[in-house]
């Protein structure tokens, strides 16, 4: 479907869905980074306990 054939409401929904897809992708990246940070914290705790 091209933009010429879409109603304003349809275009708004398409943009909303695209924005939500971007948000989901960004949140997936944030979750991955938080998991990596959590693993790093656990590694540091183990190193400190060994010292």
PDB file of N, CA and C in Angstrom:
ATOM      1  N   UNK A   1       0.849  -1.185   0.000  1.00  0.00           N
ATOM      2  CA  UNK A   1       0.000   0.000   0.000  1.00  0.00           C
ATOM      3  C   UNK A   1       0.889   1.241   0.000  1.00  0.00           C
ATOM      4  N   UNK A   2       0.600   2.154  -0.894  1.00  0.00           N
ATOM      5  CA  UNK A   2       1.388   3.383  -0.972  1.00  0.00           C
ATOM      6  C   UNK A   2       0.737   4.476  -0.140  1.00  0.00           C
ATOM      7  N   UNK A   3       1.539   5.497   0.195  1.00  0.00           N
ATOM      8  CA  UNK A   3       1.016   6.596   1.000  1.00  0.00           C
ATOM      9  C   UNK A   3      -0.128   7.326   0.292  1.00  0.00           C
ATOM     10  N   UNK A   4      -0.122   7.336  -1.045  1.00  0.00           N
ATOM     11  CA  UNK A   4      -1.183   8.029  -1.777  1.00  0.00           C
ATOM     12  C   UNK A   4      -2.546   7.383  -1.534  1.00  0.00           C
ATOM     13  N   UNK A   5      -2.554   6.070  -1.302  1.00  0.00           N
ATOM     14  CA  UNK A   5      -3.808   5.339  -1.126  1.00  0.00           C
ATOM     15  C   UNK A   5      -4.246   5.244   0.333  1.00  0.00           C
ATOM     16  N   UNK A   6      -3.446   5.729   1.242  1.00  0.00           N
ATOM     17  CA  UNK A   6      -3.756   5.595   2.660  1.00  0.00           C
ATOM     18  C   UNK A   6      -4.555   6.786   3.173  1.00  0.00           C
ATOM     19  N   UNK A   7      -5.410   6.489   4.119  1.00  0.00           N
ATOM     20  CA  UNK A   7      -6.078   7.581   4.818  1.00  0.00           C
ATOM     21  C   UNK A   7      -5.124   8.101   5.883  1.00  0.00           C
ATOM     22  N   UNK A   8      -5.456   9.237   6.439  1.00  0.00           N
ATOM     23  CA  UNK A   8      -4.624   9.816   7.491  1.00  0.00           C
ATOM     24  C   UNK A   8      -4.529   8.866   8.681  1.00  0.00           C
ATOM     25  N   UNK A   9      -5.639   8.234   9.025  1.00  0.00           N
ATOM     26  CA  UNK A   9      -5.634   7.293  10.150  1.00  0.00           C
ATOM     27  C   UNK A   9      -4.727   6.102   9.860  1.00  0.00           C
ATOM     28  N   UNK A  10      -4.780   5.581   8.654  1.00  0.00           N
ATOM     29  CA  UNK A  10      -3.916   4.464   8.273  1.00  0.00           C
ATOM     30  C   UNK A  10      -2.446   4.858   8.357  1.00  0.00           C
ATOM     31  N   UNK A  11      -2.132   6.072   7.892  1.00  0.00           N
ATOM     32  CA  UNK A  11      -0.744   6.539   7.958  1.00  0.00           C
ATOM     33  C   UNK A  11      -0.291   6.668   9.408  1.00  0.00           C
ATOM     34  N   UNK A  12      -1.179   7.179  10.263  1.00  0.00           N
ATOM     35  CA  UNK A  12      -0.832   7.298  11.678  1.00  0.00           C
ATOM     36  C   UNK A  12      -0.552   5.931  12.291  1.00  0.00           C
ATOM     37  N   UNK A  13      -1.378   4.934  11.943  1.00  0.00           N
ATOM     38  CA  UNK A  13      -1.145   3.588  12.469  1.00  0.00           C
ATOM     39  C   UNK A  13       0.173   3.013  11.956  1.00  0.00           C
ATOM     40  N   UNK A  14       0.456   3.214  10.685  1.00  0.00           N
ATOM     41  CA  UNK A  14       1.720   2.721  10.118  1.00  0.00           C
ATOM     42  C   UNK A  14       2.915   3.348  10.831  1.00  0.00           C
ATOM     43  N   UNK A  15       2.847   4.657  11.073  1.00  0.00           N
ATOM     44  CA  UNK A  15       3.935   5.340  11.778  1.00  0.00           C
ATOM     45  C   UNK A  15       4.036   4.862  13.221  1.00  0.00           C
ATOM     46  N   UNK A  16       2.898   4.651  13.858  1.00  0.00           N
ATOM     47  CA  UNK A  16       2.890   4.161  15.236  1.00  0.00           C
ATOM     48  C   UNK A  16       3.533   2.785  15.322  1.00  0.00           C
ATOM     49  N   UNK A  17       3.174   1.905  14.414  1.00  0.00           N
ATOM     50  CA  UNK A  17       3.746   0.554  14.398  1.00  0.00           C
ATOM     51  C   UNK A  17       5.246   0.613  14.149  1.00  0.00           C
ATOM     52  N   UNK A  18       5.672   1.458  13.223  1.00  0.00           N
ATOM     53  CA  UNK A  18       7.108   1.595  12.947  1.00  0.00           C
ATOM     54  C   UNK A  18       7.843   2.107  14.182  1.00  0.00           C
ATOM     55  N   UNK A  19       7.256   3.079  14.878  1.00  0.00           N
ATOM     56  CA  UNK A  19       7.883   3.601  16.097  1.00  0.00           C
ATOM     57  C   UNK A  19       7.940   2.540  17.187  1.00  0.00           C
ATOM     58  N   UNK A  20       6.885   1.751  17.319  1.00  0.00           N
ATOM     59  CA  UNK A  20       6.885   0.680  18.318  1.00  0.00           C
ATOM     60  C   UNK A  20       7.940  -0.372  17.998  1.00  0.00           C
ATOM     61  N   UNK A  21       8.099  -0.688  16.720  1.00  0.00           N
ATOM     62  CA  UNK A  21       9.148  -1.632  16.318  1.00  0.00           C
ATOM     63  C   UNK A  21      10.524  -1.101  16.710  1.00  0.00           C
ATOM     64  N   UNK A  22      10.754   0.195  16.471  1.00  0.00           N
ATOM     65  CA  UNK A  22      12.027   0.808  16.861  1.00  0.00           C
ATOM     66  C   UNK A  22      12.225   0.742  18.371  1.00  0.00           C
ATOM     67  N   UNK A  23      11.161   1.013  19.121  1.00  0.00           N
ATOM     68  CA  UNK A  23      11.248   0.970  20.591  1.00  0.00           C
ATOM     69  C   UNK A  23      11.574  -0.433  21.081  1.00  0.00           C
ATOM     70  N   UNK A  24      10.931  -1.425  20.496  1.00  0.00           N
ATOM     71  CA  UNK A  24      11.184  -2.814  20.893  1.00  0.00           C
ATOM     72  C   UNK A  24      12.628  -3.192  20.605  1.00  0.00           C
ATOM     73  N   UNK A  25      13.132  -2.812  19.440  1.00  0.00           N
ATOM     74  CA  UNK A  25      14.528  -3.102  19.103  1.00  0.00           C
ATOM     75  C   UNK A  25      15.477  -2.423  20.074  1.00  0.00           C
ATOM     76  N   UNK A  26      15.187  -1.167  20.430  1.00  0.00           N
ATOM     77  CA  UNK A  26      16.022  -0.432  21.374  1.00  0.00           C
ATOM     78  C   UNK A  26      15.986  -1.102  22.748  1.00  0.00           C
ATOM     79  N   UNK A  27      14.803  -1.499  23.196  1.00  0.00           N
ATOM     80  CA  UNK A  27      14.685  -2.159  24.497  1.00  0.00           C
ATOM     81  C   UNK A  27      15.427  -3.493  24.512  1.00  0.00           C
ATOM     82  N   UNK A  28      15.404  -4.223  23.404  1.00  0.00           N
ATOM     83  CA  UNK A  28      16.176  -5.468  23.314  1.00  0.00           C
ATOM     84  C   UNK A  28      17.663  -5.192  23.508  1.00  0.00           C
ATOM     85  N   UNK A  29      18.160  -4.113  22.891  1.00  0.00           N
ATOM     86  CA  UNK A  29      19.568  -3.740  23.056  1.00  0.00           C
ATOM     87  C   UNK A  29      19.865  -3.366  24.504  1.00  0.00           C
ATOM     88  N   UNK A  30      18.958  -2.619  25.128  1.00  0.00           N
ATOM     89  CA  UNK A  30      19.145  -2.214  26.523  1.00  0.00           C
ATOM     90  C   UNK A  30      19.184  -3.445  27.427  1.00  0.00           C
ATOM     91  N   UNK A  31      18.286  -4.390  27.200  1.00  0.00           N
ATOM     92  CA  UNK A  31      18.256  -5.616  27.999  1.00  0.00           C
ATOM     93  C   UNK A  31      19.568  -6.372  27.854  1.00  0.00           C
ATOM     94  N   UNK A  32      20.065  -6.498  26.625  1.00  0.00           N
ATOM     95  CA  UNK A  32      21.345  -7.178  26.400  1.00  0.00           C
ATOM     96  C   UNK A  32      22.476  -6.489  27.158  1.00  0.00           C
ATOM     97  N   UNK A  33      22.507  -5.162  27.099  1.00  0.00           N
ATOM     98  CA  UNK A  33      23.570  -4.416  27.784  1.00  0.00           C
ATOM     99  C   UNK A  33      23.465  -4.564  29.296  1.00  0.00           C
ATOM    100  N   UNK A  34      22.238  -4.558  29.821  1.00  0.00           N
ATOM    101  CA  UNK A  34      22.052  -4.732  31.260  1.00  0.00           C
ATOM    102  C   UNK A  34      22.481  -6.127  31.709  1.00  0.00           C
ATOM    103  N   UNK A  35      22.191  -7.133  30.893  1.00  0.00           N
ATOM    104  CA  UNK A  35      22.625  -8.491  31.219  1.00  0.00           C
ATOM    105  C   UNK A  35      24.149  -8.571  31.242  1.00  0.00           C
ATOM    106  N   UNK A  36      24.797  -7.958  30.261  1.00  0.00           N
ATOM    107  CA  UNK A  36      26.260  -7.951  30.230  1.00  0.00           C
ATOM    108  C   UNK A  36      26.824  -7.213  31.432  1.00  0.00           C
ATOM    109  N   UNK A  37      26.201  -6.084  31.787  1.00  0.00           N
ATOM    110  CA  UNK A  37      26.662  -5.322  32.950  1.00  0.00           C
ATOM    111  C   UNK A  37      26.484  -6.141  34.218  1.00  0.00           C
ATOM    112  N   UNK A  38      25.368  -6.836  34.332  1.00  0.00           N
ATOM    113  CA  UNK A  38      25.130  -7.693  35.496  1.00  0.00           C
ATOM    114  C   UNK A  38      26.167  -8.794  35.596  1.00  0.00           C
ATOM    115  N   UNK A  39      26.526  -9.381  34.468  1.00  0.00           N
ATOM    116  CA  UNK A  39      27.562 -10.417  34.464  1.00  0.00           C
ATOM    117  C   UNK A  39      28.903  -9.841  34.895  1.00  0.00           C
ATOM    118  N   UNK A  40      29.202  -8.631  34.445  1.00  0.00           N
ATOM    119  CA  UNK A  40      30.459  -7.990  34.826  1.00  0.00           C
ATOM    120  C   UNK A  40      30.494  -7.719  36.320  1.00  0.00           C
ATOM    121  N   UNK A  41      29.372  -7.299  36.883  1.00  0.00           N
ATOM    122  CA  UNK A  41      29.302  -7.046  38.325  1.00  0.00           C
ATOM    123  C   UNK A  41      29.544  -8.341  39.090  1.00  0.00           C
ATOM    124  N   UNK A  42      28.942  -9.424  38.634  1.00  0.00           N
ATOM    125  CA  UNK A  42      29.146 -10.717  39.295  1.00  0.00           C
ATOM    126  C   UNK A  42      30.607 -11.141  39.220  1.00  0.00           C
ATOM    127  N   UNK A  43      31.249 -10.939  38.070  1.00  0.00           N
ATOM    128  CA  UNK A  43      32.666 -11.273  37.929  1.00  0.00           C
ATOM    129  C   UNK A  43      33.512 -10.446  38.891  1.00  0.00           C
ATOM    130  N   UNK A  44      33.205  -9.157  39.004  1.00  0.00           N
ATOM    131  CA  UNK A  44      33.952  -8.296  39.926  1.00  0.00           C
ATOM    132  C   UNK A  44      33.766  -8.745  41.369  1.00  0.00           C
ATOM    133  N   UNK A  45      32.551  -9.130  41.734  1.00  0.00           N
ATOM    134  CA  UNK A  45      32.298  -9.623  43.092  1.00  0.00           C
ATOM    135  C   UNK A  45      33.152 -10.853  43.382  1.00  0.00           C
ATOM    136  N   UNK A  46      33.234 -11.761  42.424  1.00  0.00           N
ATOM    137  CA  UNK A  46      34.031 -12.975  42.602  1.00  0.00           C
ATOM    138  C   UNK A  46      35.507 -12.635  42.750  1.00  0.00           C
ATOM    139  N   UNK A  47      35.992 -11.707  41.951  1.00  0.00           N
ATOM    140  CA  UNK A  47      37.399 -11.305  42.032  1.00  0.00           C
ATOM    141  C   UNK A  47      37.683 -10.694  43.396  1.00  0.00           C
ATOM    142  N   UNK A  48      36.778  -9.835  43.865  1.00  0.00           N
ATOM    143  CA  UNK A  48      36.971  -9.184  45.167  1.00  0.00           C
ATOM    144  C   UNK A  48      36.959 -10.219  46.284  1.00  0.00           C
ATOM    145  N   UNK A  49      36.077 -11.209  46.196  1.00  0.00           N
ATOM    146  CA  UNK A  49      36.008 -12.253  47.217  1.00  0.00           C
ATOM    147  C   UNK A  49      37.286 -13.085  47.252  1.00  0.00           C
ATOM    148  N   UNK A  50      37.926 -13.265  46.102  1.00  0.00           N
ATOM    149  CA  UNK A  50      39.145 -14.068  46.031  1.00  0.00           C
ATOM    150  C   UNK A  50      40.339 -13.343  46.628  1.00  0.00           C
ATOM    151  N   UNK A  51      40.288 -12.024  46.654  1.00  0.00           N
ATOM    152  CA  UNK A  51      41.427 -11.237  47.131  1.00  0.00           C
ATOM    153  C   UNK A  51      41.488 -11.192  48.616  1.00  0.00           C
TER     154      UNK A  51
END
